[in-house]
Amino acid sequence: MRVMLHHDAGDCAGSGSAPGLAGWLGLAGSPTFALMALWSAVTSAPPDLFCMQHASPLTGMTAMYLLMSAFHLAPWLRLLRR
């Protein structure tokens, strides 16, 4: 019976470079969220358009998708670092 005394963080999925399909799937996150941000900025209007004088298009879902795109840039940065 083998007992694991410590856990190496390098063995976890998502750390370092993931092999095969998982690596490519990790690269899909940032561009997908960037496209969703663009789509939500172009197609959506604020529901209270008549109440707000100068509503920014970077509120709500657009801002969330931009943040998600930024948070998922790590695989791209690792790829560019090589």
C-alpha atoms as a PDB file:
ATOM      1  CA  MET A   1       0.000   0.000   0.000  1.00  0.00           C
ATOM      2  CA  ARG A   2       1.466   3.346  -1.075  1.00  0.00           C
ATOM      3  CA  VAL A   3       0.780   6.452   0.998  1.00  0.00           C
ATOM      4  CA  MET A   4       1.078   9.889  -0.569  1.00  0.00           C
ATOM      5  CA  LEU A   5       2.757  12.250   1.891  1.00  0.00           C
ATOM      6  CA  HIS A   6       2.798  15.384  -0.215  1.00  0.00           C
ATOM      7  CA  HIS A   7       1.252  16.607  -3.413  1.00  0.00           C
ATOM      8  CA  ASP A   8       3.336  18.256  -6.104  1.00  0.00           C
ATOM      9  CA  ALA A   9       1.494  21.182  -7.702  1.00  0.00           C
ATOM     10  CA  GLY A  10       3.239  20.448 -11.002  1.00  0.00           C
ATOM     11  CA  ASP A  11       1.205  17.258 -11.359  1.00  0.00           C
ATOM     12  CA  CYS A  12      -2.120  19.099 -11.408  1.00  0.00           C
ATOM     13  CA  ALA A  13      -3.975  19.686 -14.637  1.00  0.00           C
ATOM     14  CA  GLY A  14      -3.678  23.274 -15.697  1.00  0.00           C
ATOM     15  CA  SER A  15      -0.197  23.873 -14.339  1.00  0.00           C
ATOM     16  CA  GLY A  16       2.623  23.969 -16.831  1.00  0.00           C
ATOM     17  CA  SER A  17       1.708  22.878 -20.324  1.00  0.00           C
ATOM     18  CA  ALA A  18      -1.089  20.385 -20.673  1.00  0.00           C
ATOM     19  CA  PRO A  19      -0.532  17.741 -23.341  1.00  0.00           C
ATOM     20  CA  GLY A  20      -2.771  17.124 -26.305  1.00  0.00           C
ATOM     21  CA  LEU A  21      -6.368  18.225 -26.467  1.00  0.00           C
ATOM     22  CA  ALA A  22      -6.353  19.736 -22.970  1.00  0.00           C
ATOM     23  CA  GLY A  23      -3.616  22.147 -24.028  1.00  0.00           C
ATOM     24  CA  TRP A  24      -5.582  23.299 -27.054  1.00  0.00           C
ATOM     25  CA  LEU A  25      -8.744  23.594 -25.016  1.00  0.00           C
ATOM     26  CA  GLY A  26      -6.900  25.860 -22.574  1.00  0.00           C
ATOM     27  CA  LEU A  27      -6.024  28.175 -25.460  1.00  0.00           C
ATOM     28  CA  ALA A  28      -9.673  28.458 -26.526  1.00  0.00           C
ATOM     29  CA  GLY A  29     -10.872  30.354 -23.446  1.00  0.00           C
ATOM     30  CA  SER A  30      -9.438  33.821 -24.002  1.00  0.00           C
ATOM     31  CA  PRO A  31     -10.433  34.301 -27.662  1.00  0.00           C
ATOM     32  CA  THR A  32     -13.876  32.860 -26.968  1.00  0.00           C
ATOM     33  CA  PHE A  33     -14.542  35.336 -24.173  1.00  0.00           C
ATOM     34  CA  ALA A  34     -13.135  38.184 -26.284  1.00  0.00           C
ATOM     35  CA  LEU A  35     -15.586  37.343 -29.079  1.00  0.00           C
ATOM     36  CA  MET A  36     -18.435  37.132 -26.567  1.00  0.00           C
ATOM     37  CA  ALA A  37     -17.464  40.577 -25.219  1.00  0.00           C
ATOM     38  CA  LEU A  38     -17.469  42.007 -28.730  1.00  0.00           C
ATOM     39  CA  TRP A  39     -20.804  40.376 -29.507  1.00  0.00           C
ATOM     40  CA  SER A  40     -22.454  41.631 -26.310  1.00  0.00           C
ATOM     41  CA  ALA A  41     -21.086  45.170 -26.858  1.00  0.00           C
ATOM     42  CA  VAL A  42     -22.418  45.305 -30.423  1.00  0.00           C
ATOM     43  CA  THR A  43     -25.793  43.622 -30.044  1.00  0.00           C
ATOM     44  CA  SER A  44     -27.042  44.643 -26.622  1.00  0.00           C
ATOM     45  CA  ALA A  45     -28.497  47.920 -25.481  1.00  0.00           C
ATOM     46  CA  PRO A  46     -28.834  48.827 -21.825  1.00  0.00           C
ATOM     47  CA  PRO A  47     -32.391  48.146 -20.593  1.00  0.00           C
ATOM     48  CA  ASP A  48     -32.631  51.588 -19.064  1.00  0.00           C
ATOM     49  CA  LEU A  49     -31.431  53.470 -22.140  1.00  0.00           C
ATOM     50  CA  PHE A  50     -34.000  56.238 -21.686  1.00  0.00           C
ATOM     51  CA  CYS A  51     -33.111  56.803 -18.033  1.00  0.00           C
ATOM     52  CA  MET A  52     -29.342  57.067 -18.380  1.00  0.00           C
ATOM     53  CA  GLN A  53     -27.858  60.010 -20.265  1.00  0.00           C
ATOM     54  CA  HIS A  54     -24.364  58.667 -20.963  1.00  0.00           C
ATOM     55  CA  ALA A  55     -24.366  54.919 -20.472  1.00  0.00           C
ATOM     56  CA  SER A  56     -21.047  53.226 -21.135  1.00  0.00           C
ATOM     57  CA  PRO A  57     -21.038  50.177 -23.432  1.00  0.00           C
ATOM     58  CA  LEU A  58     -18.431  48.613 -21.094  1.00  0.00           C
ATOM     59  CA  THR A  59     -20.849  47.755 -18.332  1.00  0.00           C
ATOM     60  CA  GLY A  60     -22.590  44.539 -17.453  1.00  0.00           C
ATOM     61  CA  MET A  61     -21.891  41.474 -19.563  1.00  0.00           C
ATOM     62  CA  THR A  62     -19.328  43.160 -21.818  1.00  0.00           C
ATOM     63  CA  ALA A  63     -17.103  44.046 -18.873  1.00  0.00           C
ATOM     64  CA  MET A  64     -17.491  40.556 -17.431  1.00  0.00           C
ATOM     65  CA  TYR A  65     -16.491  38.906 -20.723  1.00  0.00           C
ATOM     66  CA  LEU A  66     -13.467  41.220 -21.046  1.00  0.00           C
ATOM     67  CA  LEU A  67     -12.347  40.304 -17.537  1.00  0.00           C
ATOM     68  CA  MET A  68     -12.838  36.598 -18.231  1.00  0.00           C
ATOM     69  CA  SER A  69     -10.788  36.958 -21.412  1.00  0.00           C
ATOM     70  CA  ALA A  70      -7.984  38.633 -19.440  1.00  0.00           C
ATOM     71  CA  PHE A  71      -8.083  35.949 -16.733  1.00  0.00           C
ATOM     72  CA  HIS A  72      -7.760  33.202 -19.364  1.00  0.00           C
ATOM     73  CA  LEU A  73      -4.664  34.698 -21.025  1.00  0.00           C
ATOM     74  CA  ALA A  74      -2.212  32.569 -19.004  1.00  0.00           C
ATOM     75  CA  PRO A  75      -1.993  29.692 -21.547  1.00  0.00           C
ATOM     76  CA  TRP A  76      -1.309  32.202 -24.338  1.00  0.00           C
ATOM     77  CA  LEU A  77       1.382  33.915 -22.293  1.00  0.00           C
ATOM     78  CA  ARG A  78       3.017  30.547 -21.556  1.00  0.00           C
ATOM     79  CA  LEU A  79       2.909  29.719 -25.266  1.00  0.00           C
ATOM     80  CA  LEU A  80       4.493  33.049 -26.232  1.00  0.00           C
ATOM     81  CA  ARG A  81       7.161  32.698 -23.553  1.00  0.00           C
ATOM     82  CA  ARG A  82       8.582  29.571 -25.216  1.00  0.00           C
END
